[in-house]
Amino acid sequence: MRTRVWWLIGLMAALLSSGFAQTLVLTNGDVNGDNVVDDADLLSVLFAMGRSCPADCPEDLNGDGVVDDADLLTVLFNMGAQGAPTFAGQVQSPQGAFSVSLTVRLAG
């Protein structure tokens, strides 16, 4: 879970420094980060089943520190889900003290 939080913070910092308005959709159950929940994600969770994950374990989808049936069900319930294209927002003119708009929406 901590890895996902740091990844999100790093992504937000990169987007904020780039000067673009973005809408980012994170697909729940997408273990390998290819923007779709498919058999590759299912196999990753199955092969990691029972493993203890104290820090950076992408297969631990609910962040409870272990890859278990809850993580497997997350992948199964979201099988076939696909995130939005790389850019799904509308560019807006910056206003005020900030020059970037960032929207994060969790799909699932």
N, C-alpha and C. Protein backbone atom coordinates (compact mmCIF):
# COMPACT_ATOMS: atom_id res chain seq x y z
N MET A 1 0.82 -1.19 0.00
CA MET A 1 0.00 0.00 0.00
C MET A 1 0.87 1.26 0.00
N ARG A 2 1.96 1.22 0.78
CA ARG A 2 2.83 2.39 0.83
C ARG A 2 3.45 2.67 -0.53
N THR A 3 3.76 1.60 -1.26
CA THR A 3 4.35 1.79 -2.58
C THR A 3 3.38 2.51 -3.50
N ARG A 4 2.11 2.12 -3.44
CA ARG A 4 1.11 2.77 -4.28
C ARG A 4 0.94 4.25 -3.91
N VAL A 5 1.02 4.54 -2.61
CA VAL A 5 0.89 5.94 -2.18
C VAL A 5 2.08 6.74 -2.68
N TRP A 6 3.30 6.21 -2.54
CA TRP A 6 4.49 6.92 -3.02
C TRP A 6 4.46 7.05 -4.53
N TRP A 7 3.96 6.00 -5.21
CA TRP A 7 3.85 6.07 -6.66
C TRP A 7 2.90 7.18 -7.07
N LEU A 8 1.76 7.28 -6.37
CA LEU A 8 0.77 8.31 -6.67
C LEU A 8 1.33 9.70 -6.39
N ILE A 9 2.06 9.84 -5.28
CA ILE A 9 2.66 11.14 -4.96
C ILE A 9 3.69 11.52 -6.02
N GLY A 10 4.51 10.56 -6.45
CA GLY A 10 5.49 10.83 -7.50
C GLY A 10 4.82 11.20 -8.81
N LEU A 11 3.73 10.49 -9.13
CA LEU A 11 3.00 10.80 -10.35
C LEU A 11 2.41 12.20 -10.29
N MET A 12 1.82 12.56 -9.16
CA MET A 12 1.25 13.89 -9.00
C MET A 12 2.33 14.96 -9.14
N ALA A 13 3.50 14.72 -8.54
CA ALA A 13 4.59 15.68 -8.65
C ALA A 13 5.04 15.84 -10.09
N ALA A 14 5.13 14.73 -10.82
CA ALA A 14 5.53 14.79 -12.23
C ALA A 14 4.51 15.55 -13.06
N LEU A 15 3.23 15.29 -12.81
CA LEU A 15 2.19 16.00 -13.56
C LEU A 15 2.16 17.47 -13.23
N LEU A 16 2.34 17.79 -11.96
CA LEU A 16 2.32 19.19 -11.55
C LEU A 16 3.49 19.95 -12.15
N SER A 17 4.63 19.30 -12.27
CA SER A 17 5.80 19.98 -12.83
C SER A 17 5.75 20.06 -14.35
N SER A 18 4.92 19.23 -14.98
CA SER A 18 4.88 19.21 -16.44
C SER A 18 4.02 20.32 -17.02
N GLY A 19 3.08 20.88 -16.25
CA GLY A 19 2.25 21.97 -16.73
C GLY A 19 1.03 21.54 -17.52
N PHE A 20 0.62 20.28 -17.42
CA PHE A 20 -0.55 19.80 -18.14
C PHE A 20 -1.67 19.48 -17.17
N ALA A 21 -2.91 19.70 -17.60
CA ALA A 21 -4.07 19.26 -16.83
C ALA A 21 -4.36 17.83 -17.24
N GLN A 22 -4.49 16.93 -16.28
CA GLN A 22 -4.67 15.51 -16.57
C GLN A 22 -5.83 14.95 -15.77
N THR A 23 -6.48 13.95 -16.31
CA THR A 23 -7.40 13.10 -15.57
C THR A 23 -6.82 11.71 -15.62
N LEU A 24 -6.59 11.12 -14.47
CA LEU A 24 -5.96 9.82 -14.38
C LEU A 24 -6.95 8.84 -13.79
N VAL A 25 -7.13 7.70 -14.43
CA VAL A 25 -8.02 6.67 -13.92
C VAL A 25 -7.18 5.46 -13.53
N LEU A 26 -7.21 5.09 -12.25
CA LEU A 26 -6.51 3.91 -11.77
C LEU A 26 -7.51 2.77 -11.69
N THR A 27 -7.26 1.68 -12.38
CA THR A 27 -8.17 0.55 -12.41
C THR A 27 -7.88 -0.38 -11.25
N ASN A 28 -8.86 -0.59 -10.39
CA ASN A 28 -8.71 -1.45 -9.22
C ASN A 28 -8.53 -2.89 -9.68
N GLY A 29 -7.44 -3.53 -9.27
CA GLY A 29 -7.14 -4.90 -9.66
C GLY A 29 -6.08 -5.00 -10.72
N ASP A 30 -5.61 -3.88 -11.24
CA ASP A 30 -4.56 -3.88 -12.26
C ASP A 30 -3.20 -3.98 -11.57
N VAL A 31 -2.71 -5.20 -11.41
CA VAL A 31 -1.47 -5.46 -10.67
C VAL A 31 -0.24 -5.02 -11.45
N ASN A 32 -0.21 -5.28 -12.75
CA ASN A 32 1.00 -5.02 -13.54
C ASN A 32 1.03 -3.64 -14.19
N GLY A 33 0.00 -2.83 -13.98
CA GLY A 33 0.01 -1.45 -14.45
C GLY A 33 -0.16 -1.27 -15.95
N ASP A 34 -0.79 -2.22 -16.63
CA ASP A 34 -1.01 -2.08 -18.08
C ASP A 34 -2.36 -1.46 -18.41
N ASN A 35 -3.05 -0.95 -17.41
CA ASN A 35 -4.31 -0.22 -17.56
C ASN A 35 -5.50 -1.12 -17.89
N VAL A 36 -5.36 -2.42 -17.68
CA VAL A 36 -6.46 -3.35 -17.87
C VAL A 36 -6.32 -4.50 -16.87
N VAL A 37 -7.45 -4.96 -16.34
CA VAL A 37 -7.44 -6.11 -15.43
C VAL A 37 -7.69 -7.35 -16.27
N ASP A 38 -6.68 -8.21 -16.36
CA ASP A 38 -6.78 -9.38 -17.22
C ASP A 38 -6.12 -10.60 -16.57
N ASP A 39 -5.93 -11.64 -17.38
CA ASP A 39 -5.37 -12.89 -16.85
C ASP A 39 -3.95 -12.72 -16.30
N ALA A 40 -3.20 -11.77 -16.81
CA ALA A 40 -1.85 -11.53 -16.28
C ALA A 40 -1.92 -11.06 -14.83
N ASP A 41 -2.89 -10.22 -14.52
CA ASP A 41 -3.08 -9.75 -13.13
C ASP A 41 -3.54 -10.90 -12.24
N LEU A 42 -4.44 -11.72 -12.77
CA LEU A 42 -4.94 -12.87 -12.02
C LEU A 42 -3.80 -13.83 -11.69
N LEU A 43 -2.95 -14.13 -12.67
CA LEU A 43 -1.83 -15.04 -12.43
C LEU A 43 -0.83 -14.45 -11.44
N SER A 44 -0.60 -13.15 -11.50
CA SER A 44 0.32 -12.51 -10.55
C SER A 44 -0.17 -12.69 -9.12
N VAL A 45 -1.47 -12.50 -8.91
CA VAL A 45 -2.02 -12.66 -7.57
C VAL A 45 -1.99 -14.12 -7.15
N LEU A 46 -2.33 -15.02 -8.07
CA LEU A 46 -2.32 -16.45 -7.74
C LEU A 46 -0.92 -16.93 -7.35
N PHE A 47 0.10 -16.50 -8.09
CA PHE A 47 1.47 -16.94 -7.80
C PHE A 47 2.00 -16.32 -6.51
N ALA A 48 1.44 -15.19 -6.10
CA ALA A 48 1.89 -14.54 -4.86
C ALA A 48 0.99 -14.91 -3.67
N MET A 49 0.00 -15.74 -3.89
CA MET A 49 -0.97 -16.10 -2.85
C MET A 49 -0.27 -16.62 -1.59
N GLY A 50 -0.63 -16.05 -0.46
CA GLY A 50 -0.08 -16.45 0.83
C GLY A 50 1.18 -15.71 1.21
N ARG A 51 1.74 -14.94 0.31
CA ARG A 51 2.98 -14.21 0.59
C ARG A 51 2.71 -13.02 1.50
N SER A 52 3.59 -12.78 2.42
CA SER A 52 3.53 -11.63 3.30
C SER A 52 4.19 -10.45 2.60
N CYS A 53 3.53 -9.31 2.58
CA CYS A 53 4.02 -8.14 1.85
C CYS A 53 4.08 -6.93 2.77
N PRO A 54 5.19 -6.72 3.46
CA PRO A 54 5.27 -5.58 4.37
C PRO A 54 5.33 -4.23 3.68
N ALA A 55 5.90 -4.14 2.47
CA ALA A 55 6.05 -2.81 1.87
C ALA A 55 5.60 -2.79 0.41
N ASP A 56 6.47 -3.13 -0.50
CA ASP A 56 6.18 -2.95 -1.92
C ASP A 56 5.81 -4.27 -2.59
N CYS A 57 4.53 -4.56 -2.57
CA CYS A 57 4.01 -5.78 -3.16
C CYS A 57 2.76 -5.41 -3.96
N PRO A 58 2.85 -5.30 -5.28
CA PRO A 58 1.70 -4.86 -6.06
C PRO A 58 0.53 -5.83 -6.01
N GLU A 59 0.80 -7.09 -5.68
CA GLU A 59 -0.28 -8.07 -5.62
C GLU A 59 -1.17 -7.90 -4.38
N ASP A 60 -0.68 -7.21 -3.37
CA ASP A 60 -1.47 -6.94 -2.17
C ASP A 60 -2.34 -5.72 -2.44
N LEU A 61 -3.46 -5.94 -3.10
CA LEU A 61 -4.30 -4.85 -3.59
C LEU A 61 -5.01 -4.07 -2.50
N ASN A 62 -5.33 -4.73 -1.39
CA ASN A 62 -6.04 -4.03 -0.33
C ASN A 62 -5.11 -3.51 0.76
N GLY A 63 -3.82 -3.76 0.65
CA GLY A 63 -2.85 -3.19 1.56
C GLY A 63 -2.86 -3.74 2.96
N ASP A 64 -3.33 -4.98 3.14
CA ASP A 64 -3.38 -5.55 4.49
C ASP A 64 -2.11 -6.31 4.85
N GLY A 65 -1.11 -6.30 3.98
CA GLY A 65 0.18 -6.91 4.27
C GLY A 65 0.32 -8.36 3.86
N VAL A 66 -0.70 -8.93 3.25
CA VAL A 66 -0.62 -10.32 2.80
C VAL A 66 -1.46 -10.47 1.53
N VAL A 67 -0.99 -11.29 0.61
CA VAL A 67 -1.75 -11.59 -0.61
C VAL A 67 -2.68 -12.74 -0.26
N ASP A 68 -3.98 -12.47 -0.29
CA ASP A 68 -4.95 -13.47 0.15
C ASP A 68 -6.17 -13.46 -0.76
N ASP A 69 -7.23 -14.12 -0.30
CA ASP A 69 -8.44 -14.24 -1.11
C ASP A 69 -9.09 -12.89 -1.39
N ALA A 70 -8.92 -11.92 -0.52
CA ALA A 70 -9.50 -10.60 -0.76
C ALA A 70 -8.86 -9.95 -2.00
N ASP A 71 -7.56 -10.10 -2.15
CA ASP A 71 -6.87 -9.57 -3.32
C ASP A 71 -7.28 -10.31 -4.59
N LEU A 72 -7.43 -11.62 -4.47
CA LEU A 72 -7.88 -12.43 -5.59
C LEU A 72 -9.29 -12.01 -6.03
N LEU A 73 -10.16 -11.79 -5.08
CA LEU A 73 -11.53 -11.37 -5.41
C LEU A 73 -11.55 -9.99 -6.06
N THR A 74 -10.66 -9.11 -5.64
CA THR A 74 -10.58 -7.79 -6.26
C THR A 74 -10.28 -7.92 -7.74
N VAL A 75 -9.34 -8.79 -8.08
CA VAL A 75 -9.01 -9.00 -9.49
C VAL A 75 -10.18 -9.66 -10.21
N LEU A 76 -10.78 -10.67 -9.61
CA LEU A 76 -11.88 -11.38 -10.26
C LEU A 76 -13.09 -10.48 -10.49
N PHE A 77 -13.44 -9.66 -9.49
CA PHE A 77 -14.61 -8.78 -9.64
C PHE A 77 -14.38 -7.69 -10.68
N ASN A 78 -13.12 -7.34 -10.92
CA ASN A 78 -12.81 -6.28 -11.88
C ASN A 78 -12.25 -6.81 -13.19
N MET A 79 -12.31 -8.12 -13.39
CA MET A 79 -11.78 -8.74 -14.60
C MET A 79 -12.41 -8.10 -15.85
N GLY A 80 -11.55 -7.68 -16.76
CA GLY A 80 -12.01 -7.05 -17.99
C GLY A 80 -12.11 -5.54 -17.90
N ALA A 81 -12.01 -4.98 -16.70
CA ALA A 81 -12.08 -3.52 -16.55
C ALA A 81 -10.87 -2.89 -17.20
N GLN A 82 -11.08 -1.75 -17.82
CA GLN A 82 -9.99 -1.05 -18.47
C GLN A 82 -10.05 0.42 -18.07
N GLY A 83 -8.89 0.98 -17.81
CA GLY A 83 -8.80 2.39 -17.44
C GLY A 83 -9.04 3.27 -18.65
N ALA A 84 -9.11 4.54 -18.39
CA ALA A 84 -9.30 5.52 -19.46
C ALA A 84 -8.04 5.63 -20.30
N PRO A 85 -8.16 6.19 -21.49
CA PRO A 85 -6.97 6.44 -22.30
C PRO A 85 -5.97 7.32 -21.53
N THR A 86 -4.79 7.48 -22.08
CA THR A 86 -3.75 8.22 -21.38
C THR A 86 -4.18 9.63 -21.02
N PHE A 87 -4.98 10.28 -21.83
CA PHE A 87 -5.49 11.60 -21.49
C PHE A 87 -6.99 11.61 -21.69
N ALA A 88 -7.73 11.80 -20.60
CA ALA A 88 -9.18 11.77 -20.68
C ALA A 88 -9.80 13.05 -20.14
N GLY A 89 -9.02 14.10 -20.06
CA GLY A 89 -9.53 15.35 -19.51
C GLY A 89 -9.57 16.45 -20.55
N GLN A 90 -10.02 17.60 -20.12
CA GLN A 90 -10.03 18.77 -20.98
C GLN A 90 -8.99 19.74 -20.45
N VAL A 91 -8.19 20.26 -21.35
CA VAL A 91 -7.19 21.24 -20.94
C VAL A 91 -7.90 22.52 -20.56
N GLN A 92 -7.56 23.02 -19.39
CA GLN A 92 -8.17 24.25 -18.89
C GLN A 92 -7.08 25.29 -18.69
N SER A 93 -7.45 26.54 -18.85
CA SER A 93 -6.50 27.61 -18.61
C SER A 93 -6.22 27.71 -17.12
N PRO A 94 -4.95 27.77 -16.73
CA PRO A 94 -4.62 27.90 -15.31
C PRO A 94 -5.10 29.23 -14.75
N GLN A 95 -5.58 29.18 -13.52
CA GLN A 95 -6.04 30.40 -12.85
C GLN A 95 -5.54 30.39 -11.43
N GLY A 96 -5.29 31.55 -10.90
CA GLY A 96 -4.87 31.66 -9.51
C GLY A 96 -3.40 31.34 -9.32
N ALA A 97 -3.07 30.92 -8.10
CA ALA A 97 -1.68 30.68 -7.73
C ALA A 97 -1.14 29.39 -8.32
N PHE A 98 -2.02 28.47 -8.66
CA PHE A 98 -1.56 27.18 -9.18
C PHE A 98 -1.71 27.16 -10.69
N SER A 99 -0.77 26.51 -11.35
CA SER A 99 -0.80 26.49 -12.81
C SER A 99 -1.23 25.14 -13.36
N VAL A 100 -1.61 24.19 -12.49
CA VAL A 100 -1.96 22.85 -12.96
C VAL A 100 -3.19 22.36 -12.22
N SER A 101 -4.04 21.66 -12.95
CA SER A 101 -5.21 21.02 -12.36
C SER A 101 -5.01 19.52 -12.46
N LEU A 102 -5.23 18.79 -11.36
CA LEU A 102 -5.05 17.33 -11.35
C LEU A 102 -6.28 16.69 -10.73
N THR A 103 -6.87 15.75 -11.46
CA THR A 103 -8.01 15.01 -10.96
C THR A 103 -7.65 13.53 -10.95
N VAL A 104 -7.84 12.88 -9.80
CA VAL A 104 -7.57 11.44 -9.70
C VAL A 104 -8.89 10.75 -9.37
N ARG A 105 -9.26 9.77 -10.20
CA ARG A 105 -10.50 9.05 -10.00
C ARG A 105 -10.19 7.56 -9.96
N LEU A 106 -10.60 6.88 -8.92
CA LEU A 106 -10.38 5.44 -8.81
C LEU A 106 -11.55 4.72 -9.46
N ALA A 107 -11.25 3.87 -10.43
CA ALA A 107 -12.29 3.09 -11.10
C ALA A 107 -12.45 1.77 -10.38
N GLY A 108 -13.64 1.29 -10.36
CA GLY A 108 -13.82 -0.03 -9.76
C GLY A 108 -15.05 -0.22 -9.07
